[in-house]
Amino acid sequence: MRIHDLFTGERLDLNDLTVYFTIKKKLSDGDEEILVEHNSDEAGITITNAFKGEAILQVTPTDTDLHPGDYYFDIRCVNAGGTEVISNYPNYGTFVVYEVVRQSFSV
């Protein structure tokens, strides 16, 4: 994925940022209700070119082991001080699980 600055349209420099990916049942769910979480500091997201705002999200079979239904995902970039950096990579989106699927993929 390529992450851009919302205001300038330029690719967001990911140096000194942590990229987060979460899945929730409802967009309004709090952090305690996150079903899946990956971040670039621990696992699941690999920053491939920080200067160009490029990263790979690895979704595992465990991540897709969800009950059929509608879900929300979000992608956030946070600096070392804990402040979210605004980007125009889809901050959130929806997807539907029609049946339990256990596959890996990367975006």
Foldseek 3Di string as FASTA:
>chain_A
DFWAAPPPRATAQQVQKKKKKWKAADPPDDPVRTPDMDICVPDQKPAPGRGRRDIKGKQFLVNQQDAWDKMKMAMWIAGPVGHTGDIVPPRMDMDTDHHRDGHMDMD
